[in-house]
């Protein structure tokens, strides 16, 4: 059988950004490794002040929910310590999390944090989810798809999406018809009803859902539209 070698750089359909990353271009040189993480830790130790930590701590004190998990409280308190560092991911406030990689990104952040806590001595790492509540693109986040249906909500576009309130949650009734007999269907429906109760903001809804999924892993969420 004849074989032909094809170089990654010659494949037209692969974006230049991906090619540059694998080619170790300068801006992609800080790949994930314990050595590079340690270098970033040393940089942050020099550039991040005690005053900045205190501001961040106070912001979380304002933003946390009343039913905060003990693992989250432990991580919030750890932010006071100079040997604590954050591993951050973020996403828009997609309806019911939207695409699957919303969840995958958070899972990867938690797993990365666990790995670093096990392998870098004397340092504490905390997983963070940045909620893009200040984003203005409502049409991009107001729906999600299942195998058989597209669900969406109405709202006034133009401002920060995190402030938009749920006025009608009729989509939940349709979702219930599709999933009430599925594995975990009832649990998902209950979560949806709690998160998207009429009057809740999209920021509150997303925070409720992410808490349901990851509070026991100590994940902290921050509202980017904090005022």
N, C-alpha and C. Protein backbone atom coordinates (compact mmCIF):
# COMPACT_ATOMS: atom_id res chain seq x y z
N UNK A 1 0.84 -1.19 0.00
CA UNK A 1 0.00 0.00 0.00
C UNK A 1 0.88 1.25 0.00
N UNK A 2 0.58 2.17 -0.87
CA UNK A 2 1.34 3.41 -0.95
C UNK A 2 0.90 4.38 0.14
N UNK A 3 1.87 5.02 0.73
CA UNK A 3 1.59 6.00 1.77
C UNK A 3 2.14 7.36 1.36
N UNK A 4 1.42 8.38 1.70
CA UNK A 4 1.86 9.74 1.40
C UNK A 4 1.85 10.56 2.68
N UNK A 5 2.96 11.20 2.94
CA UNK A 5 3.08 12.02 4.14
C UNK A 5 2.51 13.41 3.88
N UNK A 6 1.60 13.83 4.75
CA UNK A 6 1.00 15.16 4.62
C UNK A 6 1.34 15.95 5.88
N UNK A 7 1.94 17.09 5.70
CA UNK A 7 2.31 17.93 6.83
C UNK A 7 1.13 18.78 7.29
N UNK A 8 1.05 18.96 8.59
CA UNK A 8 -0.05 19.73 9.17
C UNK A 8 -0.15 21.11 8.54
N UNK A 9 0.99 21.75 8.31
CA UNK A 9 1.00 23.10 7.76
C UNK A 9 0.44 23.17 6.35
N UNK A 10 0.37 22.03 5.67
CA UNK A 10 -0.11 22.00 4.29
C UNK A 10 -1.59 21.67 4.16
N UNK A 11 -2.26 21.40 5.29
CA UNK A 11 -3.68 21.08 5.25
C UNK A 11 -4.48 22.38 5.30
N UNK A 12 -5.12 22.70 4.22
CA UNK A 12 -5.77 24.01 4.06
C UNK A 12 -6.88 24.24 5.07
N UNK A 13 -7.61 23.20 5.43
CA UNK A 13 -8.80 23.37 6.27
C UNK A 13 -8.48 23.65 7.74
N UNK A 14 -7.24 23.45 8.15
CA UNK A 14 -6.87 23.68 9.55
C UNK A 14 -6.52 25.15 9.75
N UNK A 15 -7.15 25.84 10.70
CA UNK A 15 -6.90 27.27 10.91
C UNK A 15 -5.44 27.57 11.23
N UNK A 16 -5.01 28.75 10.86
CA UNK A 16 -3.63 29.17 11.10
C UNK A 16 -3.29 29.17 12.58
N UNK A 17 -4.25 29.53 13.41
CA UNK A 17 -4.01 29.57 14.85
C UNK A 17 -3.59 28.19 15.37
N UNK A 18 -4.25 27.15 14.89
CA UNK A 18 -3.91 25.78 15.31
C UNK A 18 -2.53 25.40 14.82
N UNK A 19 -2.23 25.75 13.58
CA UNK A 19 -0.91 25.45 13.03
C UNK A 19 0.19 26.16 13.81
N UNK A 20 -0.04 27.41 14.15
CA UNK A 20 0.95 28.17 14.91
C UNK A 20 1.16 27.57 16.29
N UNK A 21 0.07 27.09 16.89
CA UNK A 21 0.18 26.49 18.22
C UNK A 21 1.09 25.27 18.19
N UNK A 22 0.85 24.38 17.24
CA UNK A 22 1.66 23.17 17.15
C UNK A 22 3.07 23.44 16.66
N UNK A 23 3.27 24.57 16.00
CA UNK A 23 4.60 24.94 15.54
C UNK A 23 5.38 25.68 16.62
N UNK A 24 4.77 25.86 17.78
CA UNK A 24 5.42 26.56 18.90
C UNK A 24 5.81 27.98 18.55
N UNK A 25 4.90 28.69 17.88
CA UNK A 25 5.15 30.11 17.64
C UNK A 25 5.24 30.83 18.99
N UNK A 26 5.85 31.99 18.99
CA UNK A 26 6.19 32.67 20.24
C UNK A 26 4.99 32.85 21.17
N UNK A 27 3.85 33.28 20.61
CA UNK A 27 2.71 33.56 21.48
C UNK A 27 2.03 32.29 21.97
N UNK A 28 2.45 31.15 21.45
CA UNK A 28 1.89 29.87 21.91
C UNK A 28 2.95 29.03 22.61
N UNK A 29 3.99 29.68 23.09
CA UNK A 29 5.11 28.93 23.65
C UNK A 29 4.86 28.47 25.09
N UNK A 30 3.91 29.09 25.79
CA UNK A 30 3.66 28.71 27.18
C UNK A 30 2.64 27.59 27.24
N UNK A 31 3.04 26.44 26.76
CA UNK A 31 2.15 25.28 26.79
C UNK A 31 1.96 24.80 28.23
N UNK A 32 0.94 23.97 28.40
CA UNK A 32 0.67 23.49 29.75
C UNK A 32 1.72 22.47 30.17
N UNK A 33 2.41 22.78 31.24
CA UNK A 33 3.36 21.87 31.87
C UNK A 33 3.56 22.36 33.29
N UNK A 34 4.02 21.49 34.16
CA UNK A 34 4.26 21.91 35.54
C UNK A 34 5.31 23.01 35.60
N UNK A 35 6.29 22.91 34.73
CA UNK A 35 7.35 23.93 34.70
C UNK A 35 6.79 25.30 34.33
N UNK A 36 5.94 25.34 33.30
CA UNK A 36 5.38 26.62 32.87
C UNK A 36 4.38 27.18 33.88
N UNK A 37 3.61 26.29 34.51
CA UNK A 37 2.69 26.75 35.55
C UNK A 37 3.48 27.36 36.71
N UNK A 38 4.57 26.72 37.08
CA UNK A 38 5.40 27.24 38.16
C UNK A 38 5.94 28.63 37.82
N UNK A 39 6.31 28.84 36.56
CA UNK A 39 6.79 30.15 36.12
C UNK A 39 5.69 31.20 36.25
N UNK A 40 4.45 30.82 35.87
CA UNK A 40 3.33 31.75 36.00
C UNK A 40 3.04 32.07 37.47
N UNK A 41 3.17 31.07 38.32
CA UNK A 41 2.98 31.28 39.75
C UNK A 41 3.98 32.32 40.27
N UNK A 42 5.22 32.18 39.86
CA UNK A 42 6.25 33.11 40.31
C UNK A 42 5.98 34.53 39.82
N UNK A 43 5.47 34.66 38.59
CA UNK A 43 5.12 35.98 38.06
C UNK A 43 3.98 36.60 38.85
N UNK A 44 2.95 35.80 39.15
CA UNK A 44 1.80 36.32 39.88
C UNK A 44 2.16 36.68 41.31
N UNK A 45 3.07 35.93 41.90
CA UNK A 45 3.50 36.25 43.26
C UNK A 45 4.10 37.65 43.34
N UNK A 46 4.76 38.05 42.26
CA UNK A 46 5.42 39.36 42.23
C UNK A 46 4.45 40.49 41.85
N UNK A 47 3.43 40.15 41.07
CA UNK A 47 2.58 41.21 40.50
C UNK A 47 1.23 41.38 41.18
N UNK A 48 0.81 40.39 41.99
CA UNK A 48 -0.53 40.44 42.58
C UNK A 48 -0.42 40.80 44.05
N UNK A 49 -1.01 41.91 44.44
CA UNK A 49 -0.84 42.43 45.80
C UNK A 49 -1.86 41.87 46.78
N UNK A 50 -1.58 42.07 48.06
CA UNK A 50 -2.51 41.68 49.11
C UNK A 50 -3.81 42.46 49.00
N UNK A 51 -3.71 43.73 48.60
CA UNK A 51 -4.89 44.58 48.44
C UNK A 51 -5.81 44.05 47.34
N UNK A 52 -5.21 43.57 46.25
CA UNK A 52 -6.00 43.00 45.16
C UNK A 52 -6.72 41.74 45.61
N UNK A 53 -6.06 40.94 46.41
CA UNK A 53 -6.70 39.73 46.95
C UNK A 53 -7.91 40.11 47.81
N UNK A 54 -7.76 41.15 48.59
CA UNK A 54 -8.83 41.57 49.49
C UNK A 54 -10.04 42.06 48.70
N UNK A 55 -9.79 42.78 47.61
CA UNK A 55 -10.89 43.24 46.75
C UNK A 55 -11.64 42.05 46.17
N UNK A 56 -10.88 41.07 45.68
CA UNK A 56 -11.49 39.87 45.10
C UNK A 56 -12.30 39.11 46.14
N UNK A 57 -11.77 39.00 47.33
CA UNK A 57 -12.46 38.31 48.42
C UNK A 57 -13.79 38.99 48.73
N UNK A 58 -13.80 40.31 48.77
CA UNK A 58 -15.03 41.06 49.07
C UNK A 58 -16.06 40.90 47.97
N UNK A 59 -15.59 40.86 46.72
CA UNK A 59 -16.51 40.67 45.59
C UNK A 59 -17.22 39.33 45.71
N UNK A 60 -16.47 38.28 46.03
CA UNK A 60 -17.10 36.97 46.19
C UNK A 60 -18.05 36.95 47.38
N UNK A 61 -17.71 37.69 48.41
CA UNK A 61 -18.60 37.78 49.55
C UNK A 61 -19.96 38.36 49.18
N UNK A 62 -19.97 39.28 48.21
CA UNK A 62 -21.22 39.87 47.73
C UNK A 62 -21.98 38.93 46.81
N UNK A 63 -21.24 38.16 46.03
CA UNK A 63 -21.86 37.43 44.93
C UNK A 63 -22.30 36.01 45.28
N UNK A 64 -21.78 35.42 46.33
CA UNK A 64 -22.08 34.02 46.61
C UNK A 64 -23.55 33.85 46.97
N UNK A 65 -24.06 32.65 46.65
CA UNK A 65 -25.44 32.32 46.98
C UNK A 65 -25.57 31.91 48.44
N UNK A 66 -26.79 31.93 48.95
CA UNK A 66 -27.01 31.59 50.34
C UNK A 66 -26.69 30.15 50.67
N UNK A 67 -26.85 29.24 49.70
CA UNK A 67 -26.61 27.82 49.95
C UNK A 67 -25.23 27.39 49.46
N UNK A 68 -24.23 28.22 49.70
CA UNK A 68 -22.88 27.94 49.24
C UNK A 68 -22.34 26.67 49.89
N UNK A 69 -21.73 25.81 49.08
CA UNK A 69 -21.19 24.55 49.56
C UNK A 69 -19.93 24.80 50.39
N UNK A 70 -19.68 23.92 51.34
CA UNK A 70 -18.52 24.09 52.23
C UNK A 70 -17.21 24.10 51.45
N UNK A 71 -17.14 23.36 50.33
CA UNK A 71 -15.91 23.37 49.52
C UNK A 71 -15.70 24.73 48.86
N UNK A 72 -16.79 25.38 48.47
CA UNK A 72 -16.68 26.73 47.91
C UNK A 72 -16.24 27.73 48.97
N UNK A 73 -16.81 27.64 50.16
CA UNK A 73 -16.42 28.53 51.25
C UNK A 73 -14.95 28.35 51.60
N UNK A 74 -14.50 27.10 51.57
CA UNK A 74 -13.09 26.83 51.87
C UNK A 74 -12.19 27.49 50.83
N UNK A 75 -12.60 27.43 49.57
CA UNK A 75 -11.78 28.04 48.52
C UNK A 75 -11.81 29.57 48.58
N UNK A 76 -12.96 30.14 48.94
CA UNK A 76 -13.04 31.59 49.09
C UNK A 76 -12.09 32.06 50.19
N UNK A 77 -12.08 31.35 51.31
CA UNK A 77 -11.18 31.71 52.40
C UNK A 77 -9.72 31.55 51.98
N UNK A 78 -9.45 30.56 51.14
CA UNK A 78 -8.07 30.32 50.70
C UNK A 78 -7.53 31.48 49.87
N UNK A 79 -8.42 32.25 49.24
CA UNK A 79 -7.98 33.37 48.41
C UNK A 79 -7.27 34.45 49.22
N UNK A 80 -7.45 34.44 50.53
CA UNK A 80 -6.73 35.37 51.40
C UNK A 80 -5.23 35.04 51.45
N UNK A 81 -4.92 33.78 51.22
CA UNK A 81 -3.54 33.33 51.39
C UNK A 81 -2.69 33.63 50.16
N UNK A 82 -1.46 34.06 50.40
CA UNK A 82 -0.58 34.45 49.31
C UNK A 82 -0.10 33.27 48.47
N UNK A 83 -0.30 32.06 48.97
CA UNK A 83 0.11 30.89 48.19
C UNK A 83 -1.05 30.28 47.40
N UNK A 84 -2.17 31.01 47.29
CA UNK A 84 -3.34 30.53 46.55
C UNK A 84 -3.41 31.20 45.18
N UNK A 85 -3.69 30.38 44.16
CA UNK A 85 -3.76 30.87 42.78
C UNK A 85 -4.99 30.29 42.10
N UNK A 86 -5.46 30.96 41.06
CA UNK A 86 -6.70 30.55 40.41
C UNK A 86 -6.44 29.98 39.02
N UNK A 87 -7.26 29.00 38.65
CA UNK A 87 -7.29 28.45 37.30
C UNK A 87 -8.66 28.81 36.74
N UNK A 88 -8.67 29.62 35.68
CA UNK A 88 -9.90 30.28 35.25
C UNK A 88 -10.36 29.83 33.87
N UNK A 89 -11.66 29.58 33.76
CA UNK A 89 -12.32 29.42 32.46
C UNK A 89 -13.54 30.34 32.47
N UNK A 90 -14.21 30.44 31.35
CA UNK A 90 -15.38 31.31 31.30
C UNK A 90 -16.23 31.02 30.08
N UNK A 91 -17.45 31.53 30.11
CA UNK A 91 -18.35 31.32 28.98
C UNK A 91 -19.52 32.29 29.08
N UNK A 92 -20.23 32.42 27.96
CA UNK A 92 -21.45 33.21 27.93
C UNK A 92 -22.56 32.48 28.71
N UNK A 93 -23.65 33.19 28.94
CA UNK A 93 -24.75 32.64 29.75
C UNK A 93 -25.74 31.88 28.89
N UNK A 94 -25.26 30.91 28.16
CA UNK A 94 -26.14 30.15 27.26
C UNK A 94 -27.30 29.50 28.01
N UNK A 95 -28.47 29.54 27.40
CA UNK A 95 -29.65 28.94 27.99
C UNK A 95 -29.39 27.47 28.30
N UNK A 96 -29.60 27.09 29.56
CA UNK A 96 -29.39 25.72 30.04
C UNK A 96 -28.01 25.19 29.64
N UNK A 97 -27.02 26.03 29.68
CA UNK A 97 -25.60 25.84 29.36
C UNK A 97 -25.30 25.80 27.87
N UNK A 98 -26.32 25.59 27.01
CA UNK A 98 -26.07 25.63 25.57
C UNK A 98 -25.21 24.46 25.10
N UNK A 99 -24.11 24.73 24.36
CA UNK A 99 -23.29 23.66 23.79
C UNK A 99 -22.59 22.84 24.87
N UNK A 100 -22.27 21.59 24.53
CA UNK A 100 -21.66 20.69 25.52
C UNK A 100 -20.33 21.20 26.04
N UNK A 101 -19.59 21.96 25.22
CA UNK A 101 -18.27 22.37 25.71
C UNK A 101 -18.35 23.40 26.83
N UNK A 102 -19.51 23.99 27.08
CA UNK A 102 -19.72 24.82 28.28
C UNK A 102 -19.35 23.99 29.51
N UNK A 103 -19.89 22.78 29.57
CA UNK A 103 -19.63 21.89 30.71
C UNK A 103 -18.22 21.32 30.64
N UNK A 104 -17.77 20.95 29.44
CA UNK A 104 -16.43 20.37 29.30
C UNK A 104 -15.35 21.34 29.77
N UNK A 105 -15.51 22.63 29.46
CA UNK A 105 -14.52 23.63 29.87
C UNK A 105 -14.40 23.70 31.40
N UNK A 106 -15.54 23.64 32.07
CA UNK A 106 -15.51 23.68 33.53
C UNK A 106 -14.89 22.40 34.10
N UNK A 107 -15.27 21.26 33.54
CA UNK A 107 -14.70 19.99 33.99
C UNK A 107 -13.19 19.98 33.83
N UNK A 108 -12.71 20.46 32.69
CA UNK A 108 -11.27 20.48 32.45
C UNK A 108 -10.56 21.40 33.44
N UNK A 109 -11.19 22.52 33.76
CA UNK A 109 -10.60 23.45 34.73
C UNK A 109 -10.51 22.82 36.11
N UNK A 110 -11.55 22.11 36.51
CA UNK A 110 -11.54 21.44 37.81
C UNK A 110 -10.48 20.34 37.84
N UNK A 111 -10.40 19.55 36.77
CA UNK A 111 -9.40 18.48 36.71
C UNK A 111 -7.98 19.04 36.71
N UNK A 112 -7.78 20.15 35.99
CA UNK A 112 -6.47 20.79 35.98
C UNK A 112 -6.09 21.27 37.37
N UNK A 113 -7.06 21.86 38.06
CA UNK A 113 -6.83 22.33 39.43
C UNK A 113 -6.45 21.18 40.35
N UNK A 114 -7.17 20.08 40.25
CA UNK A 114 -6.87 18.89 41.05
C UNK A 114 -5.45 18.41 40.78
N UNK A 115 -5.08 18.37 39.50
CA UNK A 115 -3.75 17.90 39.11
C UNK A 115 -2.66 18.79 39.70
N UNK A 116 -2.85 20.09 39.62
CA UNK A 116 -1.85 21.02 40.14
C UNK A 116 -1.75 20.95 41.66
N UNK A 117 -2.88 20.79 42.33
CA UNK A 117 -2.85 20.67 43.79
C UNK A 117 -2.10 19.42 44.24
N UNK A 118 -2.13 18.39 43.42
CA UNK A 118 -1.45 17.14 43.74
C UNK A 118 0.04 17.18 43.40
N UNK A 119 0.42 18.06 42.48
CA UNK A 119 1.78 17.99 41.94
C UNK A 119 2.66 19.21 42.21
N UNK A 120 2.09 20.29 42.72
CA UNK A 120 2.90 21.46 43.08
C UNK A 120 2.77 21.68 44.58
N UNK A 121 3.83 21.42 45.28
CA UNK A 121 3.81 21.49 46.74
C UNK A 121 3.84 22.94 47.23
N UNK A 122 3.13 23.18 48.32
CA UNK A 122 3.17 24.48 48.96
C UNK A 122 2.29 25.53 48.32
N UNK A 123 1.52 25.16 47.29
CA UNK A 123 0.62 26.09 46.62
C UNK A 123 -0.79 25.52 46.61
N UNK A 124 -1.76 26.42 46.61
CA UNK A 124 -3.17 26.03 46.55
C UNK A 124 -3.77 26.60 45.27
N UNK A 125 -4.48 25.76 44.51
CA UNK A 125 -5.10 26.19 43.26
C UNK A 125 -6.62 26.04 43.38
N UNK A 126 -7.33 27.07 42.90
CA UNK A 126 -8.79 27.14 43.02
C UNK A 126 -9.41 27.30 41.63
N UNK A 127 -10.44 26.49 41.29
CA UNK A 127 -11.09 26.62 39.97
C UNK A 127 -12.11 27.76 39.95
N UNK A 128 -12.07 28.54 38.87
CA UNK A 128 -12.95 29.71 38.73
C UNK A 128 -13.71 29.63 37.41
N UNK A 129 -15.00 29.98 37.46
CA UNK A 129 -15.80 30.13 36.23
C UNK A 129 -16.24 31.57 36.11
N UNK A 130 -15.75 32.24 35.05
CA UNK A 130 -16.12 33.63 34.77
C UNK A 130 -17.41 33.62 33.95
N UNK A 131 -18.47 34.18 34.53
CA UNK A 131 -19.74 34.30 33.81
C UNK A 131 -19.73 35.59 33.01
N UNK A 132 -19.86 35.48 31.70
CA UNK A 132 -19.80 36.67 30.84
C UNK A 132 -21.14 37.41 30.88
N UNK A 133 -21.49 37.87 32.05
CA UNK A 133 -22.78 38.55 32.25
C UNK A 133 -22.83 39.91 31.57
N UNK A 134 -21.66 40.47 31.30
CA UNK A 134 -21.59 41.79 30.68
C UNK A 134 -21.73 41.73 29.16
N UNK A 135 -21.75 40.52 28.60
CA UNK A 135 -21.88 40.35 27.15
C UNK A 135 -23.23 40.90 26.67
N UNK A 136 -23.28 41.37 25.41
CA UNK A 136 -24.49 42.00 24.88
C UNK A 136 -25.20 41.17 23.80
N UNK A 137 -24.65 40.03 23.44
CA UNK A 137 -25.20 39.26 22.31
C UNK A 137 -26.25 38.27 22.79
N UNK A 138 -27.47 38.76 23.00
CA UNK A 138 -28.55 37.91 23.51
C UNK A 138 -28.93 36.82 22.53
N UNK A 139 -28.97 37.15 21.23
CA UNK A 139 -29.39 36.17 20.23
C UNK A 139 -28.46 34.95 20.18
N UNK A 140 -27.24 35.14 20.62
CA UNK A 140 -26.28 34.04 20.59
C UNK A 140 -26.47 33.07 21.75
N UNK A 141 -27.14 33.51 22.80
CA UNK A 141 -27.24 32.67 24.01
C UNK A 141 -28.66 32.27 24.37
N UNK A 142 -29.66 32.75 23.63
CA UNK A 142 -31.06 32.59 24.06
C UNK A 142 -31.69 31.27 23.64
N UNK A 143 -30.88 30.27 23.31
CA UNK A 143 -31.43 29.00 22.84
C UNK A 143 -30.46 27.85 23.12
N UNK A 144 -30.98 26.66 23.07
CA UNK A 144 -30.14 25.46 23.06
C UNK A 144 -30.86 24.38 22.26
N UNK A 145 -30.10 23.39 21.82
CA UNK A 145 -30.64 22.36 20.95
C UNK A 145 -30.53 20.99 21.60
N UNK A 146 -31.54 20.17 21.37
CA UNK A 146 -31.46 18.75 21.68
C UNK A 146 -31.55 18.00 20.35
N UNK A 147 -31.58 16.70 20.43
CA UNK A 147 -31.64 15.92 19.19
C UNK A 147 -32.93 16.19 18.42
N UNK A 148 -33.99 16.52 19.13
CA UNK A 148 -35.29 16.65 18.47
C UNK A 148 -35.90 18.04 18.48
N UNK A 149 -35.24 19.00 19.14
CA UNK A 149 -35.93 20.27 19.34
C UNK A 149 -34.92 21.40 19.54
N UNK A 150 -35.38 22.62 19.26
CA UNK A 150 -34.63 23.83 19.59
C UNK A 150 -35.47 24.63 20.59
N UNK A 151 -34.90 24.92 21.75
CA UNK A 151 -35.59 25.65 22.80
C UNK A 151 -35.03 27.06 22.88
N UNK A 152 -35.90 28.04 23.13
CA UNK A 152 -35.42 29.42 23.20
C UNK A 152 -36.31 30.24 24.14
N UNK A 153 -35.79 31.39 24.54
CA UNK A 153 -36.55 32.33 25.36
C UNK A 153 -36.51 33.70 24.70
N UNK A 154 -37.50 34.50 25.04
CA UNK A 154 -37.55 35.87 24.54
C UNK A 154 -36.94 36.82 25.57
N UNK A 155 -36.47 37.93 25.08
CA UNK A 155 -35.90 38.94 25.97
C UNK A 155 -35.51 40.17 25.19
N UNK A 156 -35.30 41.26 25.90
CA UNK A 156 -34.91 42.50 25.25
C UNK A 156 -33.40 42.54 25.10
N UNK A 157 -32.95 42.61 23.85
CA UNK A 157 -31.53 42.63 23.56
C UNK A 157 -30.99 44.05 23.64
N UNK A 158 -29.67 44.18 23.71
CA UNK A 158 -29.06 45.50 23.66
C UNK A 158 -28.25 45.86 24.88
N UNK A 159 -28.55 45.27 26.01
CA UNK A 159 -27.80 45.55 27.23
C UNK A 159 -27.05 44.32 27.70
N UNK A 160 -26.49 44.41 28.90
CA UNK A 160 -25.79 43.27 29.48
C UNK A 160 -26.77 42.11 29.68
N UNK A 161 -26.45 40.95 29.10
CA UNK A 161 -27.41 39.84 29.11
C UNK A 161 -27.67 39.30 30.51
N UNK A 162 -26.71 39.44 31.40
CA UNK A 162 -26.89 38.94 32.75
C UNK A 162 -28.01 39.62 33.51
N UNK A 163 -28.39 40.82 33.07
CA UNK A 163 -29.45 41.57 33.76
C UNK A 163 -30.84 41.24 33.21
N UNK A 164 -30.90 40.54 32.08
CA UNK A 164 -32.19 40.21 31.48
C UNK A 164 -32.95 39.24 32.39
N UNK A 165 -34.22 39.55 32.64
CA UNK A 165 -35.03 38.70 33.51
C UNK A 165 -35.89 37.74 32.69
N UNK A 166 -36.08 36.55 33.25
CA UNK A 166 -36.95 35.56 32.62
C UNK A 166 -38.39 36.02 32.78
N UNK A 167 -39.05 36.28 31.66
CA UNK A 167 -40.45 36.73 31.71
C UNK A 167 -41.42 35.57 31.48
N UNK A 168 -41.07 34.73 30.53
CA UNK A 168 -41.88 33.54 30.24
C UNK A 168 -40.95 32.35 30.09
N UNK A 169 -41.27 31.27 30.76
CA UNK A 169 -40.44 30.07 30.67
C UNK A 169 -41.21 28.89 30.07
N UNK A 170 -41.99 29.19 29.03
CA UNK A 170 -42.79 28.14 28.38
C UNK A 170 -41.93 27.02 27.82
N UNK A 171 -40.67 27.33 27.52
CA UNK A 171 -39.80 26.30 26.94
C UNK A 171 -39.63 25.12 27.90
N UNK A 172 -39.82 25.35 29.19
CA UNK A 172 -39.65 24.27 30.16
C UNK A 172 -40.72 23.20 29.98
N UNK A 173 -41.93 23.61 29.65
CA UNK A 173 -43.01 22.64 29.42
C UNK A 173 -42.68 21.72 28.26
N UNK A 174 -42.14 22.28 27.19
CA UNK A 174 -41.77 21.47 26.03
C UNK A 174 -40.61 20.55 26.38
N UNK A 175 -39.65 21.07 27.13
CA UNK A 175 -38.51 20.27 27.54
C UNK A 175 -38.96 19.09 28.41
N UNK A 176 -39.94 19.35 29.27
CA UNK A 176 -40.45 18.30 30.15
C UNK A 176 -41.11 17.18 29.35
N UNK A 177 -41.83 17.54 28.29
CA UNK A 177 -42.46 16.52 27.44
C UNK A 177 -41.41 15.62 26.80
N UNK A 178 -40.29 16.21 26.42
CA UNK A 178 -39.25 15.45 25.71
C UNK A 178 -38.42 14.58 26.65
N UNK A 179 -38.23 15.02 27.90
CA UNK A 179 -37.23 14.35 28.74
C UNK A 179 -37.75 13.77 30.05
N UNK A 180 -39.03 13.88 30.35
CA UNK A 180 -39.49 13.46 31.68
C UNK A 180 -39.33 11.96 31.93
N UNK A 181 -39.23 11.16 30.88
CA UNK A 181 -39.06 9.72 31.08
C UNK A 181 -37.62 9.27 30.84
N UNK A 182 -36.72 10.19 30.59
CA UNK A 182 -35.31 9.86 30.37
C UNK A 182 -34.58 9.70 31.70
N UNK A 183 -33.41 9.04 31.65
CA UNK A 183 -32.55 8.97 32.82
C UNK A 183 -32.20 10.39 33.25
N UNK A 184 -32.33 10.67 34.52
CA UNK A 184 -32.04 11.99 35.10
C UNK A 184 -32.97 13.08 34.57
N UNK A 185 -34.00 12.70 33.82
CA UNK A 185 -34.90 13.70 33.24
C UNK A 185 -35.58 14.55 34.29
N UNK A 186 -36.13 13.91 35.33
CA UNK A 186 -36.84 14.66 36.37
C UNK A 186 -35.90 15.63 37.07
N UNK A 187 -34.68 15.19 37.34
CA UNK A 187 -33.71 16.05 38.01
C UNK A 187 -33.37 17.27 37.16
N UNK A 188 -33.16 17.04 35.87
CA UNK A 188 -32.86 18.15 34.96
C UNK A 188 -34.02 19.15 34.89
N UNK A 189 -35.22 18.62 34.83
CA UNK A 189 -36.41 19.47 34.75
C UNK A 189 -36.55 20.31 36.03
N UNK A 190 -36.33 19.68 37.18
CA UNK A 190 -36.40 20.42 38.45
C UNK A 190 -35.35 21.53 38.50
N UNK A 191 -34.15 21.22 38.04
CA UNK A 191 -33.09 22.24 38.00
C UNK A 191 -33.50 23.41 37.11
N UNK A 192 -34.07 23.06 35.95
CA UNK A 192 -34.45 24.10 34.99
C UNK A 192 -35.54 24.99 35.59
N UNK A 193 -36.51 24.38 36.25
CA UNK A 193 -37.60 25.17 36.85
C UNK A 193 -37.08 26.11 37.93
N UNK A 194 -36.14 25.64 38.72
CA UNK A 194 -35.57 26.48 39.77
C UNK A 194 -34.73 27.61 39.18
N UNK A 195 -33.89 27.26 38.21
CA UNK A 195 -32.98 28.26 37.63
C UNK A 195 -33.72 29.33 36.85
N UNK A 196 -34.67 28.89 36.01
CA UNK A 196 -35.35 29.82 35.11
C UNK A 196 -36.75 30.18 35.59
N UNK A 197 -36.90 30.27 36.90
CA UNK A 197 -38.16 30.76 37.46
C UNK A 197 -38.39 32.19 36.98
N UNK A 198 -39.64 32.50 36.68
CA UNK A 198 -39.95 33.84 36.17
C UNK A 198 -39.53 34.90 37.19
N UNK A 199 -38.80 35.90 36.70
CA UNK A 199 -38.27 36.95 37.56
C UNK A 199 -36.79 36.83 37.83
N UNK A 200 -36.24 35.61 37.67
CA UNK A 200 -34.80 35.44 37.82
C UNK A 200 -34.07 36.09 36.65
N UNK A 201 -32.89 36.62 36.90
CA UNK A 201 -32.05 37.11 35.80
C UNK A 201 -31.30 35.93 35.19
N UNK A 202 -30.79 36.12 33.99
CA UNK A 202 -30.00 35.06 33.35
C UNK A 202 -28.72 34.80 34.13
N UNK A 203 -28.19 35.81 34.80
CA UNK A 203 -27.02 35.60 35.65
C UNK A 203 -27.37 34.67 36.81
N UNK A 204 -28.51 34.91 37.45
CA UNK A 204 -28.95 34.07 38.57
C UNK A 204 -29.23 32.65 38.10
N UNK A 205 -29.84 32.52 36.92
CA UNK A 205 -30.16 31.20 36.38
C UNK A 205 -28.90 30.39 36.12
N UNK A 206 -27.92 31.01 35.48
CA UNK A 206 -26.68 30.30 35.16
C UNK A 206 -25.93 29.92 36.42
N UNK A 207 -25.89 30.82 37.38
CA UNK A 207 -25.21 30.54 38.64
C UNK A 207 -25.87 29.35 39.36
N UNK A 208 -27.19 29.30 39.33
CA UNK A 208 -27.91 28.20 39.96
C UNK A 208 -27.57 26.87 39.30
N UNK A 209 -27.58 26.83 37.97
CA UNK A 209 -27.28 25.60 37.25
C UNK A 209 -25.86 25.12 37.50
N UNK A 210 -24.90 26.03 37.37
CA UNK A 210 -23.50 25.65 37.55
C UNK A 210 -23.26 25.19 38.99
N UNK A 211 -23.93 25.83 39.93
CA UNK A 211 -23.82 25.39 41.33
C UNK A 211 -24.35 23.97 41.51
N UNK A 212 -25.47 23.66 40.86
CA UNK A 212 -26.03 22.32 40.95
C UNK A 212 -25.01 21.28 40.48
N UNK A 213 -24.28 21.62 39.45
CA UNK A 213 -23.35 20.68 38.84
C UNK A 213 -22.02 20.58 39.58
N UNK A 214 -21.49 21.72 40.06
CA UNK A 214 -20.09 21.73 40.46
C UNK A 214 -19.80 22.34 41.83
N UNK A 215 -20.81 22.69 42.60
CA UNK A 215 -20.55 23.31 43.90
C UNK A 215 -19.70 22.41 44.80
N UNK A 216 -19.97 21.10 44.77
CA UNK A 216 -19.24 20.19 45.65
C UNK A 216 -17.79 20.00 45.25
N UNK A 217 -17.41 20.53 44.07
CA UNK A 217 -16.01 20.49 43.64
C UNK A 217 -15.29 21.80 43.96
N UNK A 218 -15.98 22.68 44.65
CA UNK A 218 -15.34 23.92 45.08
C UNK A 218 -15.25 24.99 44.02
N UNK A 219 -15.95 24.81 42.89
CA UNK A 219 -15.89 25.80 41.81
C UNK A 219 -16.49 27.12 42.28
N UNK A 220 -15.76 28.20 42.04
CA UNK A 220 -16.25 29.54 42.34
C UNK A 220 -16.65 30.23 41.05
N UNK A 221 -17.75 30.98 41.10
CA UNK A 221 -18.21 31.74 39.93
C UNK A 221 -18.09 33.22 40.22
N UNK A 222 -17.77 33.97 39.18
CA UNK A 222 -17.69 35.41 39.34
C UNK A 222 -18.51 36.09 38.25
N UNK A 223 -19.28 37.08 38.65
CA UNK A 223 -20.15 37.83 37.76
C UNK A 223 -19.36 38.98 37.15
N UNK A 224 -19.13 38.92 35.84
CA UNK A 224 -18.33 39.93 35.17
C UNK A 224 -18.97 41.29 35.12
N UNK A 225 -20.26 41.38 35.45
CA UNK A 225 -21.00 42.64 35.41
C UNK A 225 -21.16 43.21 36.82
N UNK A 226 -20.23 42.86 37.70
CA UNK A 226 -20.31 43.32 39.08
C UNK A 226 -20.25 44.84 39.14
N UNK A 227 -21.15 45.43 39.94
CA UNK A 227 -21.20 46.90 40.04
C UNK A 227 -21.17 47.33 41.50
